[in-house]
């Protein structure tokens, strides 16, 4: 793991970009929410073009890239059960602002594969964060702005907490999402437990078999309930659902949710990281958190996590019926937030 977490690599010099946008969209002086109505809810892009592949850590990672090679790096991280197309309209906006944009398929999605056939199909959050650090190493990116939602926000939070020297700034949908197994074992009020129905489903063998058999149907149901006002069409869904056909997807998904409940063991090599995360560390990198006003997935209230960000921080409430997949539902306001964060 030494090469993965080495904290003393040289920094790459990124190009300056969009100073005017940064001034207009910069951080607020307090943690109060700023309501933003999206200028556009969806864009017109449908494809990233050719997907690139690179060996990084334990994976051969499939990723899309946009923008100038010398631009200030931005890494966009997707959630479950979505894929890199959550950023199909965000990426060109960031590229036009001069950023080098990297959008990887997380382990278990798209063309990303394990290098070793017998590797553990581990879905614990720290493993996903180390995957991204390894990708940065492989691409010779010393420091980047990271942004994500759902599993992608979990991953970005962990990177910012454990490797702040690698994270220039962060945009995190639904705020502070660092959890641990002990917290996951604590019961919630019944209404809150109901929102986590899929987690309990995956805890059973019937759930694992059901997700394997009905992966696409399951994913579409999650899309509909997590974004109840997003009228996505079949073509939009099918484009992303193809990434769920990855042979490791079901195993990684089930392990992730079982691990959260303490029903599945993690890999001992990540124990040290998990011990640090169990302390709910503060995040000191400049951060913008975001929330859609129609997010149907479980998410904390912004007041519950504002104090977890000790650096420059603001929160943005995105109005207009925006749900869980915020970057795909409101690409311009998401891109604006990334530009503002990156320019600090």
C-alpha atoms as a PDB file:
ATOM      1  CA  UNK A   1       0.000   0.000   0.000  1.00  0.00           C
ATOM      2  CA  UNK A   2       3.031   2.302   0.331  1.00  0.00           C
ATOM      3  CA  UNK A   3       2.881   3.489  -3.245  1.00  0.00           C
ATOM      4  CA  UNK A   4      -0.852   4.077  -2.921  1.00  0.00           C
ATOM      5  CA  UNK A   5      -0.805   6.403   0.063  1.00  0.00           C
ATOM      6  CA  UNK A   6       2.572   8.101  -0.272  1.00  0.00           C
ATOM      7  CA  UNK A   7       2.022  11.687   0.829  1.00  0.00           C
ATOM      8  CA  UNK A   8       5.188  13.202  -0.628  1.00  0.00           C
ATOM      9  CA  UNK A   9       4.738  13.114  -4.375  1.00  0.00           C
ATOM     10  CA  UNK A  10       5.347  16.229  -6.416  1.00  0.00           C
ATOM     11  CA  UNK A  11       2.444  18.521  -7.193  1.00  0.00           C
ATOM     12  CA  UNK A  12       1.376  19.112 -10.761  1.00  0.00           C
ATOM     13  CA  UNK A  13       0.835  22.713 -11.808  1.00  0.00           C
ATOM     14  CA  UNK A  14      -2.731  23.216 -13.005  1.00  0.00           C
ATOM     15  CA  UNK A  15      -3.835  26.015 -15.260  1.00  0.00           C
ATOM     16  CA  UNK A  16      -5.940  28.845 -13.884  1.00  0.00           C
ATOM     17  CA  UNK A  17      -9.546  28.902 -15.087  1.00  0.00           C
ATOM     18  CA  UNK A  18     -12.796  30.806 -14.813  1.00  0.00           C
ATOM     19  CA  UNK A  19     -11.878  33.486 -12.289  1.00  0.00           C
ATOM     20  CA  UNK A  20     -15.049  35.366 -13.114  1.00  0.00           C
ATOM     21  CA  UNK A  21     -17.212  32.312 -12.398  1.00  0.00           C
ATOM     22  CA  UNK A  22     -15.396  31.798  -9.120  1.00  0.00           C
ATOM     23  CA  UNK A  23     -16.074  35.358  -8.051  1.00  0.00           C
ATOM     24  CA  UNK A  24     -19.748  35.055  -8.908  1.00  0.00           C
ATOM     25  CA  UNK A  25     -20.218  31.603  -7.426  1.00  0.00           C
ATOM     26  CA  UNK A  26     -17.757  31.673  -4.541  1.00  0.00           C
ATOM     27  CA  UNK A  27     -18.202  30.365  -1.038  1.00  0.00           C
ATOM     28  CA  UNK A  28     -20.525  32.004   1.428  1.00  0.00           C
ATOM     29  CA  UNK A  29     -19.024  33.348   4.602  1.00  0.00           C
ATOM     30  CA  UNK A  30     -21.171  31.088   6.776  1.00  0.00           C
ATOM     31  CA  UNK A  31     -22.627  27.600   6.701  1.00  0.00           C
ATOM     32  CA  UNK A  32     -26.123  28.874   5.908  1.00  0.00           C
ATOM     33  CA  UNK A  33     -27.915  27.380   2.938  1.00  0.00           C
ATOM     34  CA  UNK A  34     -27.951  29.175  -0.397  1.00  0.00           C
ATOM     35  CA  UNK A  35     -30.988  28.286  -2.512  1.00  0.00           C
ATOM     36  CA  UNK A  36     -30.170  27.858  -6.199  1.00  0.00           C
ATOM     37  CA  UNK A  37     -32.655  27.186  -8.987  1.00  0.00           C
ATOM     38  CA  UNK A  38     -31.029  25.281 -11.864  1.00  0.00           C
ATOM     39  CA  UNK A  39     -30.904  27.059 -15.207  1.00  0.00           C
ATOM     40  CA  UNK A  40     -31.185  23.669 -16.857  1.00  0.00           C
ATOM     41  CA  UNK A  41     -32.205  20.368 -15.332  1.00  0.00           C
ATOM     42  CA  UNK A  42     -30.734  18.222 -18.074  1.00  0.00           C
ATOM     43  CA  UNK A  43     -28.381  18.720 -20.963  1.00  0.00           C
ATOM     44  CA  UNK A  44     -28.041  17.279 -24.421  1.00  0.00           C
ATOM     45  CA  UNK A  45     -24.885  15.161 -24.223  1.00  0.00           C
ATOM     46  CA  UNK A  46     -25.299  11.405 -24.567  1.00  0.00           C
ATOM     47  CA  UNK A  47     -21.786   9.983 -24.708  1.00  0.00           C
ATOM     48  CA  UNK A  48     -18.230  10.461 -23.525  1.00  0.00           C
ATOM     49  CA  UNK A  49     -16.775   8.786 -26.584  1.00  0.00           C
ATOM     50  CA  UNK A  50     -14.001   6.238 -26.104  1.00  0.00           C
ATOM     51  CA  UNK A  51     -13.486   4.919 -22.549  1.00  0.00           C
ATOM     52  CA  UNK A  52      -9.847   4.718 -21.487  1.00  0.00           C
ATOM     53  CA  UNK A  53      -8.304   1.960 -19.364  1.00  0.00           C
ATOM     54  CA  UNK A  54      -5.402   2.067 -16.915  1.00  0.00           C
ATOM     55  CA  UNK A  55      -3.972  -0.254 -14.263  1.00  0.00           C
ATOM     56  CA  UNK A  56      -4.317   1.408 -10.866  1.00  0.00           C
ATOM     57  CA  UNK A  57      -3.873  -0.401  -7.557  1.00  0.00           C
ATOM     58  CA  UNK A  58      -5.849  -3.659  -7.626  1.00  0.00           C
ATOM     59  CA  UNK A  59      -7.913  -2.601 -10.634  1.00  0.00           C
ATOM     60  CA  UNK A  60      -7.817  -1.958 -14.319  1.00  0.00           C
ATOM     61  CA  UNK A  61      -9.963   1.169 -14.272  1.00  0.00           C
ATOM     62  CA  UNK A  62     -12.232   2.305 -17.065  1.00  0.00           C
ATOM     63  CA  UNK A  63     -12.618   6.076 -17.154  1.00  0.00           C
ATOM     64  CA  UNK A  64     -13.739   8.947 -19.344  1.00  0.00           C
ATOM     65  CA  UNK A  65     -11.619  12.062 -19.720  1.00  0.00           C
ATOM     66  CA  UNK A  66     -12.449  15.539 -20.979  1.00  0.00           C
ATOM     67  CA  UNK A  67     -10.686  18.876 -21.151  1.00  0.00           C
ATOM     68  CA  UNK A  68      -7.069  19.922 -21.630  1.00  0.00           C
ATOM     69  CA  UNK A  69      -4.380  17.548 -20.368  1.00  0.00           C
ATOM     70  CA  UNK A  70      -2.723  20.428 -18.518  1.00  0.00           C
ATOM     71  CA  UNK A  71      -5.899  21.696 -16.905  1.00  0.00           C
ATOM     72  CA  UNK A  72      -6.538  21.741 -13.162  1.00  0.00           C
ATOM     73  CA  UNK A  73      -7.724  18.185 -12.380  1.00  0.00           C
ATOM     74  CA  UNK A  74     -11.270  17.390 -11.312  1.00  0.00           C
ATOM     75  CA  UNK A  75     -12.377  13.852 -10.442  1.00  0.00           C
ATOM     76  CA  UNK A  76     -16.107  13.110 -10.602  1.00  0.00           C
ATOM     77  CA  UNK A  77     -17.388  10.083  -8.691  1.00  0.00           C
ATOM     78  CA  UNK A  78     -20.724   8.413  -9.406  1.00  0.00           C
ATOM     79  CA  UNK A  79     -23.106   6.647  -7.053  1.00  0.00           C
ATOM     80  CA  UNK A  80     -25.111   3.433  -6.820  1.00  0.00           C
ATOM     81  CA  UNK A  81     -26.878   2.263  -8.938  1.00  0.00           C
ATOM     82  CA  UNK A  82     -25.790   4.814 -11.523  1.00  0.00           C
ATOM     83  CA  UNK A  83     -22.615   5.226 -13.564  1.00  0.00           C
ATOM     84  CA  UNK A  84     -20.323   7.794 -15.181  1.00  0.00           C
ATOM     85  CA  UNK A  85     -23.185   9.153 -17.328  1.00  0.00           C
ATOM     86  CA  UNK A  86     -24.358  11.070 -14.274  1.00  0.00           C
ATOM     87  CA  UNK A  87     -21.674  13.523 -15.438  1.00  0.00           C
ATOM     88  CA  UNK A  88     -22.228  13.404 -19.180  1.00  0.00           C
ATOM     89  CA  UNK A  89     -23.413  17.041 -19.177  1.00  0.00           C
ATOM     90  CA  UNK A  90     -21.201  18.229 -16.308  1.00  0.00           C
ATOM     91  CA  UNK A  91     -17.924  17.149 -17.913  1.00  0.00           C
ATOM     92  CA  UNK A  92     -18.105  19.403 -21.004  1.00  0.00           C
ATOM     93  CA  UNK A  93     -18.984  22.392 -18.833  1.00  0.00           C
ATOM     94  CA  UNK A  94     -15.905  21.819 -16.686  1.00  0.00           C
ATOM     95  CA  UNK A  95     -13.745  21.079 -19.725  1.00  0.00           C
ATOM     96  CA  UNK A  96     -14.791  24.353 -21.349  1.00  0.00           C
ATOM     97  CA  UNK A  97     -13.713  26.103 -18.138  1.00  0.00           C
ATOM     98  CA  UNK A  98     -10.223  24.672 -18.601  1.00  0.00           C
ATOM     99  CA  UNK A  99     -10.326  21.672 -16.266  1.00  0.00           C
ATOM    100  CA  UNK A 100      -8.930  18.222 -16.906  1.00  0.00           C
ATOM    101  CA  UNK A 101     -11.928  16.052 -15.983  1.00  0.00           C
ATOM    102  CA  UNK A 102     -11.593  12.391 -14.982  1.00  0.00           C
ATOM    103  CA  UNK A 103     -14.740  10.276 -14.516  1.00  0.00           C
ATOM    104  CA  UNK A 104     -13.946   6.695 -13.437  1.00  0.00           C
ATOM    105  CA  UNK A 105     -16.188   3.686 -13.265  1.00  0.00           C
ATOM    106  CA  UNK A 106     -16.012   2.610  -9.621  1.00  0.00           C
ATOM    107  CA  UNK A 107     -15.130  -1.003  -8.847  1.00  0.00           C
ATOM    108  CA  UNK A 108     -18.010  -3.179  -9.985  1.00  0.00           C
ATOM    109  CA  UNK A 109     -19.156  -0.874 -12.791  1.00  0.00           C
ATOM    110  CA  UNK A 110     -18.614  -0.550 -16.513  1.00  0.00           C
ATOM    111  CA  UNK A 111     -15.243  -1.639 -17.839  1.00  0.00           C
ATOM    112  CA  UNK A 112     -13.420  -1.537 -14.487  1.00  0.00           C
ATOM    113  CA  UNK A 113     -12.065  -4.978 -13.572  1.00  0.00           C
ATOM    114  CA  UNK A 114      -9.899  -6.539 -10.870  1.00  0.00           C
ATOM    115  CA  UNK A 115      -6.391  -7.384 -12.003  1.00  0.00           C
ATOM    116  CA  UNK A 116      -6.406 -10.647 -10.026  1.00  0.00           C
ATOM    117  CA  UNK A 117      -9.194 -13.136 -10.654  1.00  0.00           C
ATOM    118  CA  UNK A 118      -9.231 -14.244  -7.015  1.00  0.00           C
ATOM    119  CA  UNK A 119      -9.263 -10.730  -5.517  1.00  0.00           C
ATOM    120  CA  UNK A 120     -11.879 -10.172  -2.820  1.00  0.00           C
ATOM    121  CA  UNK A 121     -14.903  -8.368  -4.228  1.00  0.00           C
ATOM    122  CA  UNK A 122     -14.809  -5.892  -1.379  1.00  0.00           C
ATOM    123  CA  UNK A 123     -17.250  -2.990  -1.321  1.00  0.00           C
ATOM    124  CA  UNK A 124     -16.214  -1.310   1.918  1.00  0.00           C
ATOM    125  CA  UNK A 125     -15.959   2.467   1.571  1.00  0.00           C
ATOM    126  CA  UNK A 126     -12.258   2.840   2.388  1.00  0.00           C
ATOM    127  CA  UNK A 127     -11.398   0.422  -0.419  1.00  0.00           C
ATOM    128  CA  UNK A 128     -13.223   2.597  -2.940  1.00  0.00           C
ATOM    129  CA  UNK A 129     -11.368   5.687  -1.704  1.00  0.00           C
ATOM    130  CA  UNK A 130      -8.019   3.955  -2.049  1.00  0.00           C
ATOM    131  CA  UNK A 131      -9.021   2.978  -5.597  1.00  0.00           C
ATOM    132  CA  UNK A 132      -9.287   6.666  -6.485  1.00  0.00           C
ATOM    133  CA  UNK A 133      -5.979   7.526  -4.811  1.00  0.00           C
ATOM    134  CA  UNK A 134      -4.400   4.715  -6.847  1.00  0.00           C
ATOM    135  CA  UNK A 135      -5.999   6.099 -10.015  1.00  0.00           C
ATOM    136  CA  UNK A 136      -4.561   9.525  -9.272  1.00  0.00           C
ATOM    137  CA  UNK A 137      -1.141   7.935  -8.843  1.00  0.00           C
ATOM    138  CA  UNK A 138      -1.460   6.055 -12.130  1.00  0.00           C
ATOM    139  CA  UNK A 139      -2.473   9.233 -13.944  1.00  0.00           C
ATOM    140  CA  UNK A 140       0.269  11.226 -12.173  1.00  0.00           C
ATOM    141  CA  UNK A 141      -2.274  13.584 -10.614  1.00  0.00           C
ATOM    142  CA  UNK A 142      -0.867  14.893  -7.358  1.00  0.00           C
ATOM    143  CA  UNK A 143      -3.904  16.884  -6.246  1.00  0.00           C
ATOM    144  CA  UNK A 144      -7.446  17.242  -7.544  1.00  0.00           C
ATOM    145  CA  UNK A 145     -10.829  18.688  -6.775  1.00  0.00           C
ATOM    146  CA  UNK A 146     -13.128  15.741  -6.079  1.00  0.00           C
ATOM    147  CA  UNK A 147     -16.896  15.767  -6.380  1.00  0.00           C
ATOM    148  CA  UNK A 148     -19.580  13.150  -5.983  1.00  0.00           C
ATOM    149  CA  UNK A 149     -22.969  11.995  -4.784  1.00  0.00           C
ATOM    150  CA  UNK A 150     -24.118   8.784  -3.067  1.00  0.00           C
ATOM    151  CA  UNK A 151     -21.207   6.277  -3.050  1.00  0.00           C
ATOM    152  CA  UNK A 152     -19.172   8.909  -4.874  1.00  0.00           C
ATOM    153  CA  UNK A 153     -19.715  11.419  -2.054  1.00  0.00           C
ATOM    154  CA  UNK A 154     -18.800   8.768   0.541  1.00  0.00           C
ATOM    155  CA  UNK A 155     -15.593   8.192  -1.402  1.00  0.00           C
ATOM    156  CA  UNK A 156     -14.779  11.895  -1.775  1.00  0.00           C
ATOM    157  CA  UNK A 157     -15.364  12.473   1.952  1.00  0.00           C
ATOM    158  CA  UNK A 158     -12.986   9.674   2.905  1.00  0.00           C
ATOM    159  CA  UNK A 159     -10.321  10.961   0.539  1.00  0.00           C
ATOM    160  CA  UNK A 160     -10.618  14.465   1.996  1.00  0.00           C
ATOM    161  CA  UNK A 161     -10.453  13.156   5.568  1.00  0.00           C
ATOM    162  CA  UNK A 162      -7.580  10.677   5.192  1.00  0.00           C
ATOM    163  CA  UNK A 163      -5.550  12.224   2.371  1.00  0.00           C
ATOM    164  CA  UNK A 164      -6.259  15.971   2.493  1.00  0.00           C
ATOM    165  CA  UNK A 165      -2.950  16.703   0.767  1.00  0.00           C
ATOM    166  CA  UNK A 166      -4.371  14.997  -2.346  1.00  0.00           C
ATOM    167  CA  UNK A 167      -7.684  16.897  -2.336  1.00  0.00           C
ATOM    168  CA  UNK A 168      -7.688  20.556  -3.382  1.00  0.00           C
ATOM    169  CA  UNK A 169     -11.401  21.014  -2.668  1.00  0.00           C
ATOM    170  CA  UNK A 170     -14.568  18.950  -2.527  1.00  0.00           C
ATOM    171  CA  UNK A 171     -18.182  19.082  -3.646  1.00  0.00           C
ATOM    172  CA  UNK A 172     -20.345  16.596  -1.765  1.00  0.00           C
ATOM    173  CA  UNK A 173     -24.026  15.972  -2.387  1.00  0.00           C
ATOM    174  CA  UNK A 174     -25.821  15.268   0.922  1.00  0.00           C
ATOM    175  CA  UNK A 175     -22.889  16.508   2.953  1.00  0.00           C
ATOM    176  CA  UNK A 176     -20.787  14.544   5.422  1.00  0.00           C
ATOM    177  CA  UNK A 177     -21.187  10.835   4.654  1.00  0.00           C
ATOM    178  CA  UNK A 178     -18.418   9.123   6.591  1.00  0.00           C
ATOM    179  CA  UNK A 179     -19.883   6.194   8.511  1.00  0.00           C
ATOM    180  CA  UNK A 180     -18.648   3.157  10.384  1.00  0.00           C
ATOM    181  CA  UNK A 181     -19.849  -0.301  11.323  1.00  0.00           C
ATOM    182  CA  UNK A 182     -20.628   0.510  14.939  1.00  0.00           C
ATOM    183  CA  UNK A 183     -22.849   3.413  13.931  1.00  0.00           C
ATOM    184  CA  UNK A 184     -24.475   1.179  11.335  1.00  0.00           C
ATOM    185  CA  UNK A 185     -25.526  -1.282  14.024  1.00  0.00           C
ATOM    186  CA  UNK A 186     -27.524   1.325  15.932  1.00  0.00           C
ATOM    187  CA  UNK A 187     -31.303   1.190  15.380  1.00  0.00           C
ATOM    188  CA  UNK A 188     -33.115   4.142  13.858  1.00  0.00           C
ATOM    189  CA  UNK A 189     -36.755   5.207  14.275  1.00  0.00           C
ATOM    190  CA  UNK A 190     -39.084   3.018  12.175  1.00  0.00           C
ATOM    191  CA  UNK A 191     -39.711   5.657   9.484  1.00  0.00           C
ATOM    192  CA  UNK A 192     -35.974   6.089   8.972  1.00  0.00           C
ATOM    193  CA  UNK A 193     -35.425   2.320   8.889  1.00  0.00           C
ATOM    194  CA  UNK A 194     -38.053   2.037   6.150  1.00  0.00           C
ATOM    195  CA  UNK A 195     -35.972   4.297   3.926  1.00  0.00           C
ATOM    196  CA  UNK A 196     -33.126   1.778   4.146  1.00  0.00           C
ATOM    197  CA  UNK A 197     -35.230  -1.152   2.934  1.00  0.00           C
ATOM    198  CA  UNK A 198     -32.719  -2.157   0.256  1.00  0.00           C
ATOM    199  CA  UNK A 199     -29.965  -2.465   2.861  1.00  0.00           C
ATOM    200  CA  UNK A 200     -32.036  -5.024   4.772  1.00  0.00           C
ATOM    201  CA  UNK A 201     -32.955  -6.787   1.527  1.00  0.00           C
ATOM    202  CA  UNK A 202     -29.286  -7.200   0.656  1.00  0.00           C
ATOM    203  CA  UNK A 203     -28.633  -8.657   4.108  1.00  0.00           C
ATOM    204  CA  UNK A 204     -30.487 -11.803   3.038  1.00  0.00           C
ATOM    205  CA  UNK A 205     -29.557 -14.468   0.539  1.00  0.00           C
ATOM    206  CA  UNK A 206     -32.921 -13.886  -1.111  1.00  0.00           C
ATOM    207  CA  UNK A 207     -31.914 -10.246  -1.577  1.00  0.00           C
ATOM    208  CA  UNK A 208     -28.603 -11.150  -3.158  1.00  0.00           C
ATOM    209  CA  UNK A 209     -30.294 -13.564  -5.550  1.00  0.00           C
ATOM    210  CA  UNK A 210     -33.047 -11.047  -6.289  1.00  0.00           C
ATOM    211  CA  UNK A 211     -30.612  -8.269  -7.113  1.00  0.00           C
ATOM    212  CA  UNK A 212     -28.627 -10.606  -9.369  1.00  0.00           C
ATOM    213  CA  UNK A 213     -31.800 -11.645 -11.208  1.00  0.00           C
ATOM    214  CA  UNK A 214     -33.464  -8.227 -11.456  1.00  0.00           C
ATOM    215  CA  UNK A 215     -30.503  -5.837 -11.454  1.00  0.00           C
ATOM    216  CA  UNK A 216     -31.899  -3.424 -14.036  1.00  0.00           C
ATOM    217  CA  UNK A 217     -35.432  -3.463 -12.641  1.00  0.00           C
ATOM    218  CA  UNK A 218     -34.051  -2.858  -9.149  1.00  0.00           C
ATOM    219  CA  UNK A 219     -31.902   0.029 -10.348  1.00  0.00           C
ATOM    220  CA  UNK A 220     -34.814   1.673 -12.167  1.00  0.00           C
ATOM    221  CA  UNK A 221     -36.919   1.478  -9.005  1.00  0.00           C
ATOM    222  CA  UNK A 222     -34.132   3.188  -7.033  1.00  0.00           C
ATOM    223  CA  UNK A 223     -33.858   5.911  -9.681  1.00  0.00           C
ATOM    224  CA  UNK A 224     -37.604   6.508  -9.508  1.00  0.00           C
ATOM    225  CA  UNK A 225     -37.870   6.613  -5.720  1.00  0.00           C
ATOM    226  CA  UNK A 226     -34.649   8.580  -5.176  1.00  0.00           C
ATOM    227  CA  UNK A 227     -35.607  11.207  -7.773  1.00  0.00           C
ATOM    228  CA  UNK A 228     -39.418  11.201  -7.829  1.00  0.00           C
ATOM    229  CA  UNK A 229     -39.682  14.350  -9.974  1.00  0.00           C
ATOM    230  CA  UNK A 230     -37.019  13.419 -12.533  1.00  0.00           C
ATOM    231  CA  UNK A 231     -38.739  12.310 -15.755  1.00  0.00           C
ATOM    232  CA  UNK A 232     -35.796  10.384 -17.208  1.00  0.00           C
ATOM    233  CA  UNK A 233     -36.497   8.372 -20.350  1.00  0.00           C
ATOM    234  CA  UNK A 234     -35.621   4.767 -21.150  1.00  0.00           C
ATOM    235  CA  UNK A 235     -32.618   5.747 -23.253  1.00  0.00           C
ATOM    236  CA  UNK A 236     -31.110   7.700 -20.350  1.00  0.00           C
ATOM    237  CA  UNK A 237     -31.625   4.814 -17.945  1.00  0.00           C
ATOM    238  CA  UNK A 238     -30.442   2.109 -20.348  1.00  0.00           C
ATOM    239  CA  UNK A 239     -27.239   4.007 -21.087  1.00  0.00           C
ATOM    240  CA  UNK A 240     -26.263   3.839 -17.412  1.00  0.00           C
ATOM    241  CA  UNK A 241     -27.782   0.429 -16.662  1.00  0.00           C
ATOM    242  CA  UNK A 242     -25.323  -1.184 -19.061  1.00  0.00           C
ATOM    243  CA  UNK A 243     -22.569  -0.427 -16.544  1.00  0.00           C
ATOM    244  CA  UNK A 244     -24.337  -2.626 -13.980  1.00  0.00           C
ATOM    245  CA  UNK A 245     -23.670  -5.704 -16.131  1.00  0.00           C
ATOM    246  CA  UNK A 246     -20.124  -5.758 -14.732  1.00  0.00           C
ATOM    247  CA  UNK A 247     -19.472  -9.302 -13.403  1.00  0.00           C
ATOM    248  CA  UNK A 248     -18.442  -7.935  -9.983  1.00  0.00           C
ATOM    249  CA  UNK A 249     -21.323  -5.504  -9.527  1.00  0.00           C
ATOM    250  CA  UNK A 250     -23.680  -7.651  -7.469  1.00  0.00           C
ATOM    251  CA  UNK A 251     -20.978  -8.997  -5.165  1.00  0.00           C
ATOM    252  CA  UNK A 252     -19.565  -5.526  -4.447  1.00  0.00           C
ATOM    253  CA  UNK A 253     -23.003  -3.988  -3.898  1.00  0.00           C
ATOM    254  CA  UNK A 254     -24.083  -6.713  -1.481  1.00  0.00           C
ATOM    255  CA  UNK A 255     -20.775  -6.634   0.403  1.00  0.00           C
ATOM    256  CA  UNK A 256     -20.979  -2.854   0.814  1.00  0.00           C
ATOM    257  CA  UNK A 257     -24.405  -2.941   2.449  1.00  0.00           C
ATOM    258  CA  UNK A 258     -23.700  -6.023   4.540  1.00  0.00           C
ATOM    259  CA  UNK A 259     -20.452  -4.471   5.744  1.00  0.00           C
ATOM    260  CA  UNK A 260     -22.318  -1.362   6.904  1.00  0.00           C
ATOM    261  CA  UNK A 261     -24.484  -3.528   9.181  1.00  0.00           C
ATOM    262  CA  UNK A 262     -21.524  -5.531  10.464  1.00  0.00           C
ATOM    263  CA  UNK A 263     -22.785  -8.647   8.670  1.00  0.00           C
ATOM    264  CA  UNK A 264     -19.727  -8.972   6.439  1.00  0.00           C
ATOM    265  CA  UNK A 265     -16.077  -8.598   7.369  1.00  0.00           C
ATOM    266  CA  UNK A 266     -13.813  -6.067   5.738  1.00  0.00           C
ATOM    267  CA  UNK A 267     -10.290  -6.679   4.499  1.00  0.00           C
ATOM    268  CA  UNK A 268      -7.809  -6.435   7.419  1.00  0.00           C
ATOM    269  CA  UNK A 269      -5.487  -4.274   5.315  1.00  0.00           C
ATOM    270  CA  UNK A 270      -8.072  -1.479   5.602  1.00  0.00           C
ATOM    271  CA  UNK A 271      -8.497  -1.763   9.380  1.00  0.00           C
ATOM    272  CA  UNK A 272      -6.268   1.213  10.120  1.00  0.00           C
ATOM    273  CA  UNK A 273      -8.238   3.440   7.790  1.00  0.00           C
ATOM    274  CA  UNK A 274     -11.557   2.261   9.214  1.00  0.00           C
ATOM    275  CA  UNK A 275     -10.345   3.005  12.747  1.00  0.00           C
ATOM    276  CA  UNK A 276      -9.574   6.577  11.711  1.00  0.00           C
ATOM    277  CA  UNK A 277     -12.939   6.952   9.988  1.00  0.00           C
ATOM    278  CA  UNK A 278     -14.793   5.569  13.017  1.00  0.00           C
ATOM    279  CA  UNK A 279     -13.741   8.725  14.869  1.00  0.00           C
ATOM    280  CA  UNK A 280     -15.796  10.804  12.408  1.00  0.00           C
ATOM    281  CA  UNK A 281     -12.853  13.076  11.542  1.00  0.00           C
ATOM    282  CA  UNK A 282     -13.324  16.694  10.576  1.00  0.00           C
ATOM    283  CA  UNK A 283     -12.778  17.619   6.944  1.00  0.00           C
ATOM    284  CA  UNK A 284     -10.590  20.672   6.501  1.00  0.00           C
ATOM    285  CA  UNK A 285     -10.412  21.037   2.717  1.00  0.00           C
ATOM    286  CA  UNK A 286     -12.606  23.751   1.133  1.00  0.00           C
ATOM    287  CA  UNK A 287     -16.032  22.178   0.659  1.00  0.00           C
ATOM    288  CA  UNK A 288     -19.382  22.926  -0.909  1.00  0.00           C
ATOM    289  CA  UNK A 289     -22.210  20.598   0.071  1.00  0.00           C
ATOM    290  CA  UNK A 290     -25.369  20.371  -2.016  1.00  0.00           C
ATOM    291  CA  UNK A 291     -28.849  18.946  -1.704  1.00  0.00           C
ATOM    292  CA  UNK A 292     -31.749  18.681  -4.104  1.00  0.00           C
ATOM    293  CA  UNK A 293     -35.128  19.745  -2.777  1.00  0.00           C
ATOM    294  CA  UNK A 294     -36.724  16.492  -3.993  1.00  0.00           C
ATOM    295  CA  UNK A 295     -34.130  13.957  -2.864  1.00  0.00           C
ATOM    296  CA  UNK A 296     -36.074  10.776  -2.135  1.00  0.00           C
ATOM    297  CA  UNK A 297     -33.085   8.807  -0.832  1.00  0.00           C
ATOM    298  CA  UNK A 298     -32.083   8.792   2.856  1.00  0.00           C
ATOM    299  CA  UNK A 299     -29.982  11.866   3.600  1.00  0.00           C
ATOM    300  CA  UNK A 300     -29.092  13.928   6.675  1.00  0.00           C
ATOM    301  CA  UNK A 301     -30.268  17.450   7.331  1.00  0.00           C
ATOM    302  CA  UNK A 302     -27.510  19.995   6.539  1.00  0.00           C
ATOM    303  CA  UNK A 303     -27.613  21.294  10.106  1.00  0.00           C
ATOM    304  CA  UNK A 304     -26.483  17.876  11.313  1.00  0.00           C
ATOM    305  CA  UNK A 305     -23.161  17.980   9.471  1.00  0.00           C
ATOM    306  CA  UNK A 306     -22.200  21.627   8.942  1.00  0.00           C
ATOM    307  CA  UNK A 307     -19.725  21.564  11.835  1.00  0.00           C
ATOM    308  CA  UNK A 308     -17.916  18.542  10.372  1.00  0.00           C
ATOM    309  CA  UNK A 309     -16.298  20.888   7.833  1.00  0.00           C
ATOM    310  CA  UNK A 310     -13.589  22.946   9.504  1.00  0.00           C
ATOM    311  CA  UNK A 311     -12.311  24.715   6.392  1.00  0.00           C
ATOM    312  CA  UNK A 312     -14.008  27.136   4.041  1.00  0.00           C
ATOM    313  CA  UNK A 313     -17.536  25.821   3.647  1.00  0.00           C
ATOM    314  CA  UNK A 314     -20.978  26.539   2.243  1.00  0.00           C
ATOM    315  CA  UNK A 315     -24.158  24.623   1.549  1.00  0.00           C
ATOM    316  CA  UNK A 316     -26.398  24.957  -1.505  1.00  0.00           C
ATOM    317  CA  UNK A 317     -30.017  23.850  -1.685  1.00  0.00           C
ATOM    318  CA  UNK A 318     -30.982  23.169  -5.291  1.00  0.00           C
ATOM    319  CA  UNK A 319     -34.650  23.881  -5.914  1.00  0.00           C
ATOM    320  CA  UNK A 320     -36.967  22.905  -8.743  1.00  0.00           C
ATOM    321  CA  UNK A 321     -37.652  19.236  -8.027  1.00  0.00           C
ATOM    322  CA  UNK A 322     -34.038  18.019  -8.052  1.00  0.00           C
ATOM    323  CA  UNK A 323     -33.525  14.534  -6.661  1.00  0.00           C
ATOM    324  CA  UNK A 324     -30.707  12.234  -5.615  1.00  0.00           C
ATOM    325  CA  UNK A 325     -28.727  12.149  -8.886  1.00  0.00           C
ATOM    326  CA  UNK A 326     -28.067  15.868  -8.650  1.00  0.00           C
ATOM    327  CA  UNK A 327     -25.293  16.212 -11.260  1.00  0.00           C
ATOM    328  CA  UNK A 328     -27.389  14.596 -13.974  1.00  0.00           C
ATOM    329  CA  UNK A 329     -30.598  16.357 -12.984  1.00  0.00           C
ATOM    330  CA  UNK A 330     -29.013  19.809 -12.577  1.00  0.00           C
ATOM    331  CA  UNK A 331     -25.685  19.676 -14.412  1.00  0.00           C
ATOM    332  CA  UNK A 332     -25.013  23.392 -14.658  1.00  0.00           C
ATOM    333  CA  UNK A 333     -25.433  24.180 -10.971  1.00  0.00           C
ATOM    334  CA  UNK A 334     -23.304  21.156 -10.114  1.00  0.00           C
ATOM    335  CA  UNK A 335     -20.588  22.291 -12.520  1.00  0.00           C
ATOM    336  CA  UNK A 336     -20.798  25.821 -11.111  1.00  0.00           C
ATOM    337  CA  UNK A 337     -20.198  24.445  -7.619  1.00  0.00           C
ATOM    338  CA  UNK A 338     -17.169  22.456  -8.779  1.00  0.00           C
ATOM    339  CA  UNK A 339     -15.722  25.504 -10.521  1.00  0.00           C
ATOM    340  CA  UNK A 340     -16.245  27.626  -7.413  1.00  0.00           C
ATOM    341  CA  UNK A 341     -14.647  25.028  -5.155  1.00  0.00           C
ATOM    342  CA  UNK A 342     -11.700  24.474  -7.468  1.00  0.00           C
ATOM    343  CA  UNK A 343     -10.885  28.174  -7.639  1.00  0.00           C
ATOM    344  CA  UNK A 344     -10.438  28.679  -3.895  1.00  0.00           C
END
